[in-house]
Amino acid sequence: MSTAQPIDVRDMAIVHRTFRKVFDESERLVRAAPSPSPGRVTFLADHIDFGIAALHIHHEGEDELLYPKLIERVPEQAPMTEQVDREHQTIKTALDAASAACATWRQRPSAQTGESLAAALDQLNTVVQPHLDDEEQKIVPLAAVTLTQQEWDALGKHGVAQIPRDKRPIAFGMILEPLDEADRAFMKNTLPGPVRLLYPLLIDRPWKKYAATLRTGT
């Protein structure tokens, strides 16, 4: 199956920028404070757990709504598609290791458990980065000429629906932060009208407060 006109798939690379940054930044923040306060441990552990959960949600959506359709509709590309999809399992192993290390650090914060967590985040970042490259270079172009816009947009809706409502301003702030004005405007247009209207209050302000705490301490 091939769509007559490629659909708009730019949001995948935009969302990927968050995953390209979040684990690397988290590792650096953990290493920056070998003896953190209890409040700092809780905040950073929650942030790391949120990043891990967000990537799980992202991959679950792809496994349900993206890869099966591509394999069914473009069987001649199935070996390549299946190979990239299998990378999710390698990433899940690294996510589980980082999650376990984060739980240990949360419960028994020390220079040793902090370094173990940082090392697990390093390893996670190592396996995530090439997978994101593979998806952007191989899977996204294939999806652009295989899926309908409605099917593609369902991926984003799935992700939003799985994120707790009180975490959505932070998630959207994380996505928007590294973008240029054109990509930021594109992503804002995906928001419901009332949320766009109240963006400074509902998203920008909570995100800036959160980001300041993340980077300057609790």
C-alpha atoms as a PDB file:
ATOM      1  CA  MET A   1       0.000   0.000   0.000  1.00  0.00           C
ATOM      2  CA  SER A   2       1.277   3.456  -0.846  1.00  0.00           C
ATOM      3  CA  THR A   3      -0.444   6.757  -0.194  1.00  0.00           C
ATOM      4  CA  ALA A   4      -0.676   9.081  -3.189  1.00  0.00           C
ATOM      5  CA  GLN A   5       0.844  11.963  -1.231  1.00  0.00           C
ATOM      6  CA  PRO A   6       3.293  11.477   1.674  1.00  0.00           C
ATOM      7  CA  ILE A   7       1.641  12.322   4.974  1.00  0.00           C
ATOM      8  CA  ASP A   8       3.085  14.749   7.526  1.00  0.00           C
ATOM      9  CA  VAL A   9       5.318  12.755   9.864  1.00  0.00           C
ATOM     10  CA  ARG A  10       7.557  15.511  11.213  1.00  0.00           C
ATOM     11  CA  ASP A  11       6.315  15.059  14.778  1.00  0.00           C
ATOM     12  CA  MET A  12       8.246  11.799  15.182  1.00  0.00           C
ATOM     13  CA  ALA A  13      11.645  13.495  14.930  1.00  0.00           C
ATOM     14  CA  ILE A  14      10.359  16.285  17.169  1.00  0.00           C
ATOM     15  CA  VAL A  15       9.331  13.842  19.905  1.00  0.00           C
ATOM     16  CA  HIS A  16      12.568  11.926  19.455  1.00  0.00           C
ATOM     17  CA  ARG A  17      14.526  15.041  20.414  1.00  0.00           C
ATOM     18  CA  THR A  18      13.132  14.683  23.915  1.00  0.00           C
ATOM     19  CA  PHE A  19      14.380  11.108  24.196  1.00  0.00           C
ATOM     20  CA  ARG A  20      17.736  12.100  22.712  1.00  0.00           C
ATOM     21  CA  LYS A  21      18.190  14.557  25.586  1.00  0.00           C
ATOM     22  CA  VAL A  22      16.371  13.349  28.686  1.00  0.00           C
ATOM     23  CA  PHE A  23      18.575  10.417  29.701  1.00  0.00           C
ATOM     24  CA  ASP A  24      21.838  12.182  28.910  1.00  0.00           C
ATOM     25  CA  GLU A  25      20.793  15.220  30.931  1.00  0.00           C
ATOM     26  CA  SER A  26      19.559  13.039  33.787  1.00  0.00           C
ATOM     27  CA  GLU A  27      22.884  11.213  33.942  1.00  0.00           C
ATOM     28  CA  ARG A  28      24.766  14.509  34.141  1.00  0.00           C
ATOM     29  CA  LEU A  29      22.460  15.829  36.871  1.00  0.00           C
ATOM     30  CA  VAL A  30      22.878  12.681  38.969  1.00  0.00           C
ATOM     31  CA  ARG A  31      26.662  12.861  38.691  1.00  0.00           C
ATOM     32  CA  ALA A  32      26.663  16.599  39.461  1.00  0.00           C
ATOM     33  CA  ALA A  33      25.409  15.984  43.018  1.00  0.00           C
ATOM     34  CA  PRO A  34      27.072  12.939  44.621  1.00  0.00           C
ATOM     35  CA  SER A  35      25.491  13.819  48.008  1.00  0.00           C
ATOM     36  CA  PRO A  36      22.026  15.151  47.125  1.00  0.00           C
ATOM     37  CA  SER A  37      19.401  16.248  49.621  1.00  0.00           C
ATOM     38  CA  PRO A  38      16.408  13.946  50.146  1.00  0.00           C
ATOM     39  CA  GLY A  39      14.241  16.399  48.205  1.00  0.00           C
ATOM     40  CA  ARG A  40      16.687  16.403  45.306  1.00  0.00           C
ATOM     41  CA  VAL A  41      16.757  12.614  45.214  1.00  0.00           C
ATOM     42  CA  THR A  42      12.962  12.448  45.084  1.00  0.00           C
ATOM     43  CA  PHE A  43      12.678  15.089  42.365  1.00  0.00           C
ATOM     44  CA  LEU A  44      15.375  13.614  40.124  1.00  0.00           C
ATOM     45  CA  ALA A  45      14.179  10.038  40.642  1.00  0.00           C
ATOM     46  CA  ASP A  46      10.647  11.101  39.697  1.00  0.00           C
ATOM     47  CA  HIS A  47      12.013  12.870  36.610  1.00  0.00           C
ATOM     48  CA  ILE A  48      14.000   9.836  35.523  1.00  0.00           C
ATOM     49  CA  ASP A  49      11.075   7.494  36.120  1.00  0.00           C
ATOM     50  CA  PHE A  50       8.875   9.797  34.050  1.00  0.00           C
ATOM     51  CA  GLY A  51      11.350   9.741  31.151  1.00  0.00           C
ATOM     52  CA  ILE A  52      11.517   5.951  31.319  1.00  0.00           C
ATOM     53  CA  ALA A  53       7.723   5.632  31.407  1.00  0.00           C
ATOM     54  CA  ALA A  54       7.370   8.052  28.482  1.00  0.00           C
ATOM     55  CA  LEU A  55       9.681   5.985  26.287  1.00  0.00           C
ATOM     56  CA  HIS A  56       7.811   2.800  27.236  1.00  0.00           C
ATOM     57  CA  ILE A  57       4.554   4.492  26.196  1.00  0.00           C
ATOM     58  CA  HIS A  58       6.107   5.705  22.933  1.00  0.00           C
ATOM     59  CA  HIS A  59       7.303   2.217  22.006  1.00  0.00           C
ATOM     60  CA  GLU A  60       4.070   0.531  23.054  1.00  0.00           C
ATOM     61  CA  GLY A  61       2.197   2.831  20.693  1.00  0.00           C
ATOM     62  CA  GLU A  62       4.557   1.984  17.839  1.00  0.00           C
ATOM     63  CA  ASP A  63       4.324  -1.751  18.550  1.00  0.00           C
ATOM     64  CA  GLU A  64       0.539  -1.576  18.475  1.00  0.00           C
ATOM     65  CA  LEU A  65      -0.200   1.041  15.823  1.00  0.00           C
ATOM     66  CA  LEU A  66       2.816   1.372  13.540  1.00  0.00           C
ATOM     67  CA  TYR A  67       4.991  -1.685  12.997  1.00  0.00           C
ATOM     68  CA  PRO A  68       2.216  -4.255  12.379  1.00  0.00           C
ATOM     69  CA  LYS A  69       0.674  -2.039   9.690  1.00  0.00           C
ATOM     70  CA  LEU A  70       4.009  -1.545   7.926  1.00  0.00           C
ATOM     71  CA  ILE A  71       4.814  -5.263   7.997  1.00  0.00           C
ATOM     72  CA  GLU A  72       1.373  -6.160   6.643  1.00  0.00           C
ATOM     73  CA  ARG A  73       1.205  -3.500   3.935  1.00  0.00           C
ATOM     74  CA  VAL A  74       4.834  -3.491   2.762  1.00  0.00           C
ATOM     75  CA  PRO A  75       5.894  -7.148   3.062  1.00  0.00           C
ATOM     76  CA  GLU A  76       8.960  -6.641   0.855  1.00  0.00           C
ATOM     77  CA  GLN A  77      10.300  -4.313   3.561  1.00  0.00           C
ATOM     78  CA  ALA A  78       9.303  -6.619   6.437  1.00  0.00           C
ATOM     79  CA  PRO A  79      12.848  -7.829   7.281  1.00  0.00           C
ATOM     80  CA  MET A  80      14.044  -4.266   7.728  1.00  0.00           C
ATOM     81  CA  THR A  81      10.926  -3.236   9.638  1.00  0.00           C
ATOM     82  CA  GLU A  82      11.127  -6.240  11.942  1.00  0.00           C
ATOM     83  CA  GLN A  83      14.818  -5.616  12.603  1.00  0.00           C
ATOM     84  CA  VAL A  84      14.172  -2.047  13.754  1.00  0.00           C
ATOM     85  CA  ASP A  85      11.174  -3.198  15.789  1.00  0.00           C
ATOM     86  CA  ARG A  86      13.338  -5.791  17.569  1.00  0.00           C
ATOM     87  CA  GLU A  87      15.537  -2.960  18.814  1.00  0.00           C
ATOM     88  CA  HIS A  88      12.678  -2.128  21.168  1.00  0.00           C
ATOM     89  CA  GLN A  89      13.501  -5.256  23.176  1.00  0.00           C
ATOM     90  CA  THR A  90      17.128  -4.202  23.614  1.00  0.00           C
ATOM     91  CA  ILE A  91      15.933  -0.792  24.766  1.00  0.00           C
ATOM     92  CA  LYS A  92      13.394  -2.365  27.147  1.00  0.00           C
ATOM     93  CA  THR A  93      16.219  -4.277  28.819  1.00  0.00           C
ATOM     94  CA  ALA A  94      18.159  -1.044  29.268  1.00  0.00           C
ATOM     95  CA  LEU A  95      15.028   0.765  30.485  1.00  0.00           C
ATOM     96  CA  ASP A  96      14.395  -1.941  33.069  1.00  0.00           C
ATOM     97  CA  ALA A  97      18.004  -1.735  34.270  1.00  0.00           C
ATOM     98  CA  ALA A  98      17.805   2.051  34.589  1.00  0.00           C
ATOM     99  CA  SER A  99      14.476   1.762  36.406  1.00  0.00           C
ATOM    100  CA  ALA A 100      15.935  -0.705  38.897  1.00  0.00           C
ATOM    101  CA  ALA A 101      19.009   1.472  39.441  1.00  0.00           C
ATOM    102  CA  CYS A 102      16.783   4.501  39.976  1.00  0.00           C
ATOM    103  CA  ALA A 103      14.705   2.632  42.573  1.00  0.00           C
ATOM    104  CA  THR A 104      17.864   1.638  44.440  1.00  0.00           C
ATOM    105  CA  TRP A 105      19.199   5.209  44.386  1.00  0.00           C
ATOM    106  CA  ARG A 106      15.835   6.541  45.551  1.00  0.00           C
ATOM    107  CA  GLN A 107      15.828   4.133  48.508  1.00  0.00           C
ATOM    108  CA  ARG A 108      19.550   4.290  49.382  1.00  0.00           C
ATOM    109  CA  PRO A 109      21.078   7.439  47.868  1.00  0.00           C
ATOM    110  CA  SER A 110      24.867   7.434  47.951  1.00  0.00           C
ATOM    111  CA  ALA A 111      27.783   8.163  45.669  1.00  0.00           C
ATOM    112  CA  GLN A 112      27.893   4.462  44.765  1.00  0.00           C
ATOM    113  CA  THR A 113      24.194   4.024  43.956  1.00  0.00           C
ATOM    114  CA  GLY A 114      24.228   7.362  42.146  1.00  0.00           C
ATOM    115  CA  GLU A 115      27.104   6.260  39.948  1.00  0.00           C
ATOM    116  CA  SER A 116      25.326   2.968  39.233  1.00  0.00           C
ATOM    117  CA  LEU A 117      22.263   4.924  38.140  1.00  0.00           C
ATOM    118  CA  ALA A 118      24.340   7.272  35.989  1.00  0.00           C
ATOM    119  CA  ALA A 119      26.045   4.295  34.330  1.00  0.00           C
ATOM    120  CA  ALA A 120      22.645   2.676  33.628  1.00  0.00           C
ATOM    121  CA  LEU A 121      21.433   5.926  32.064  1.00  0.00           C
ATOM    122  CA  ASP A 122      24.606   6.064  29.976  1.00  0.00           C
ATOM    123  CA  GLN A 123      23.927   2.569  28.693  1.00  0.00           C
ATOM    124  CA  LEU A 124      20.297   3.406  27.989  1.00  0.00           C
ATOM    125  CA  ASN A 125      21.319   6.461  26.006  1.00  0.00           C
ATOM    126  CA  THR A 126      23.834   4.363  24.069  1.00  0.00           C
ATOM    127  CA  VAL A 127      21.148   1.981  22.794  1.00  0.00           C
ATOM    128  CA  VAL A 128      18.427   4.598  22.341  1.00  0.00           C
ATOM    129  CA  GLN A 129      20.335   6.958  20.048  1.00  0.00           C
ATOM    130  CA  PRO A 130      21.002   4.540  17.135  1.00  0.00           C
ATOM    131  CA  HIS A 131      17.458   3.212  17.350  1.00  0.00           C
ATOM    132  CA  LEU A 132      16.040   6.708  16.966  1.00  0.00           C
ATOM    133  CA  ASP A 133      18.321   7.160  13.956  1.00  0.00           C
ATOM    134  CA  ASP A 134      17.036   3.913  12.445  1.00  0.00           C
ATOM    135  CA  GLU A 135      13.418   4.920  12.925  1.00  0.00           C
ATOM    136  CA  GLU A 136      13.897   8.371  11.442  1.00  0.00           C
ATOM    137  CA  GLN A 137      15.921   7.121   8.464  1.00  0.00           C
ATOM    138  CA  LYS A 138      14.084   3.868   7.687  1.00  0.00           C
ATOM    139  CA  ILE A 139      10.695   3.591   9.376  1.00  0.00           C
ATOM    140  CA  VAL A 140       9.324   7.135   9.266  1.00  0.00           C
ATOM    141  CA  PRO A 141       9.851   7.573   5.490  1.00  0.00           C
ATOM    142  CA  LEU A 142       8.143   4.229   4.904  1.00  0.00           C
ATOM    143  CA  ALA A 143       5.241   5.218   7.141  1.00  0.00           C
ATOM    144  CA  ALA A 144       4.880   8.511   5.276  1.00  0.00           C
ATOM    145  CA  VAL A 145       3.880   6.663   2.099  1.00  0.00           C
ATOM    146  CA  THR A 146       2.069   3.742   3.733  1.00  0.00           C
ATOM    147  CA  LEU A 147      -0.176   5.038   6.527  1.00  0.00           C
ATOM    148  CA  THR A 148      -3.014   7.520   6.340  1.00  0.00           C
ATOM    149  CA  GLN A 149      -2.709  10.766   8.257  1.00  0.00           C
ATOM    150  CA  GLN A 150      -5.411   9.564  10.627  1.00  0.00           C
ATOM    151  CA  GLU A 151      -3.503   6.361  11.345  1.00  0.00           C
ATOM    152  CA  TRP A 152      -0.289   8.284  11.932  1.00  0.00           C
ATOM    153  CA  ASP A 153      -1.958  10.837  14.182  1.00  0.00           C
ATOM    154  CA  ALA A 154      -3.334   7.985  16.290  1.00  0.00           C
ATOM    155  CA  LEU A 155       0.228   7.383  17.492  1.00  0.00           C
ATOM    156  CA  GLY A 156       0.409  10.814  19.063  1.00  0.00           C
ATOM    157  CA  LYS A 157      -3.069  10.523  20.542  1.00  0.00           C
ATOM    158  CA  HIS A 158      -2.136   7.189  22.095  1.00  0.00           C
ATOM    159  CA  GLY A 159       0.896   8.721  23.757  1.00  0.00           C
ATOM    160  CA  VAL A 160      -0.999  11.695  25.154  1.00  0.00           C
ATOM    161  CA  ALA A 161      -3.770   9.478  26.493  1.00  0.00           C
ATOM    162  CA  GLN A 162      -1.297   7.323  28.436  1.00  0.00           C
ATOM    163  CA  ILE A 163       0.405  10.244  30.189  1.00  0.00           C
ATOM    164  CA  PRO A 164      -1.220  11.250  33.498  1.00  0.00           C
ATOM    165  CA  ARG A 165      -3.096  14.519  33.114  1.00  0.00           C
ATOM    166  CA  ASP A 166      -1.014  16.307  35.740  1.00  0.00           C
ATOM    167  CA  LYS A 167       2.188  15.338  33.884  1.00  0.00           C
ATOM    168  CA  ARG A 168       1.087  16.533  30.454  1.00  0.00           C
ATOM    169  CA  PRO A 169       2.261  20.162  30.880  1.00  0.00           C
ATOM    170  CA  ILE A 170       5.731  18.890  31.796  1.00  0.00           C
ATOM    171  CA  ALA A 171       5.783  16.407  28.925  1.00  0.00           C
ATOM    172  CA  PHE A 172       4.774  19.072  26.420  1.00  0.00           C
ATOM    173  CA  GLY A 173       7.242  21.562  27.864  1.00  0.00           C
ATOM    174  CA  MET A 174      10.029  19.007  27.474  1.00  0.00           C
ATOM    175  CA  ILE A 175       9.065  18.461  23.849  1.00  0.00           C
ATOM    176  CA  LEU A 176       8.811  22.152  22.985  1.00  0.00           C
ATOM    177  CA  GLU A 177      11.973  23.385  24.701  1.00  0.00           C
ATOM    178  CA  PRO A 178      14.595  22.434  22.061  1.00  0.00           C
ATOM    179  CA  LEU A 179      12.462  23.379  19.050  1.00  0.00           C
ATOM    180  CA  ASP A 180      12.811  26.293  16.674  1.00  0.00           C
ATOM    181  CA  GLU A 181       9.849  28.607  16.161  1.00  0.00           C
ATOM    182  CA  ALA A 182       8.459  26.703  13.169  1.00  0.00           C
ATOM    183  CA  ASP A 183       8.444  23.325  14.921  1.00  0.00           C
ATOM    184  CA  ARG A 184       7.156  24.890  18.127  1.00  0.00           C
ATOM    185  CA  ALA A 185       4.242  26.449  16.243  1.00  0.00           C
ATOM    186  CA  PHE A 186       3.529  23.117  14.541  1.00  0.00           C
ATOM    187  CA  MET A 187       3.374  21.273  17.859  1.00  0.00           C
ATOM    188  CA  LYS A 188       1.265  23.954  19.525  1.00  0.00           C
ATOM    189  CA  ASN A 189      -1.274  23.504  16.748  1.00  0.00           C
ATOM    190  CA  THR A 190      -1.825  19.930  17.925  1.00  0.00           C
ATOM    191  CA  LEU A 191      -3.186  21.239  21.229  1.00  0.00           C
ATOM    192  CA  PRO A 192      -6.924  21.764  21.809  1.00  0.00           C
ATOM    193  CA  GLY A 193      -8.005  25.357  21.208  1.00  0.00           C
ATOM    194  CA  PRO A 194      -8.605  26.232  24.879  1.00  0.00           C
ATOM    195  CA  VAL A 195      -5.172  24.886  25.839  1.00  0.00           C
ATOM    196  CA  ARG A 196      -3.510  26.931  23.074  1.00  0.00           C
ATOM    197  CA  LEU A 197      -5.313  30.007  24.335  1.00  0.00           C
ATOM    198  CA  LEU A 198      -4.119  29.420  27.904  1.00  0.00           C
ATOM    199  CA  TYR A 199      -0.698  28.068  26.905  1.00  0.00           C
ATOM    200  CA  PRO A 200       1.318  30.553  29.017  1.00  0.00           C
ATOM    201  CA  LEU A 201      -0.607  29.550  32.136  1.00  0.00           C
ATOM    202  CA  LEU A 202      -1.206  25.842  31.514  1.00  0.00           C
ATOM    203  CA  ILE A 203       2.112  24.790  29.969  1.00  0.00           C
ATOM    204  CA  ASP A 204       4.779  27.486  29.767  1.00  0.00           C
ATOM    205  CA  ARG A 205       4.693  28.556  33.419  1.00  0.00           C
ATOM    206  CA  PRO A 206       4.617  25.036  34.933  1.00  0.00           C
ATOM    207  CA  TRP A 207       7.386  23.880  32.601  1.00  0.00           C
ATOM    208  CA  LYS A 208       9.692  26.816  33.375  1.00  0.00           C
ATOM    209  CA  LYS A 209       9.245  26.257  37.104  1.00  0.00           C
ATOM    210  CA  TYR A 210       9.910  22.540  36.671  1.00  0.00           C
ATOM    211  CA  ALA A 211      12.965  23.107  34.451  1.00  0.00           C
ATOM    212  CA  ALA A 212      14.465  25.580  36.926  1.00  0.00           C
ATOM    213  CA  THR A 213      14.097  23.041  39.738  1.00  0.00           C
ATOM    214  CA  LEU A 214      15.505  20.285  37.544  1.00  0.00           C
ATOM    215  CA  ARG A 215      18.637  22.237  36.629  1.00  0.00           C
ATOM    216  CA  THR A 216      19.346  24.316  39.701  1.00  0.00           C
ATOM    217  CA  GLY A 217      18.274  21.962  42.493  1.00  0.00           C
ATOM    218  CA  THR A 218      15.462  21.722  45.013  1.00  0.00           C
END
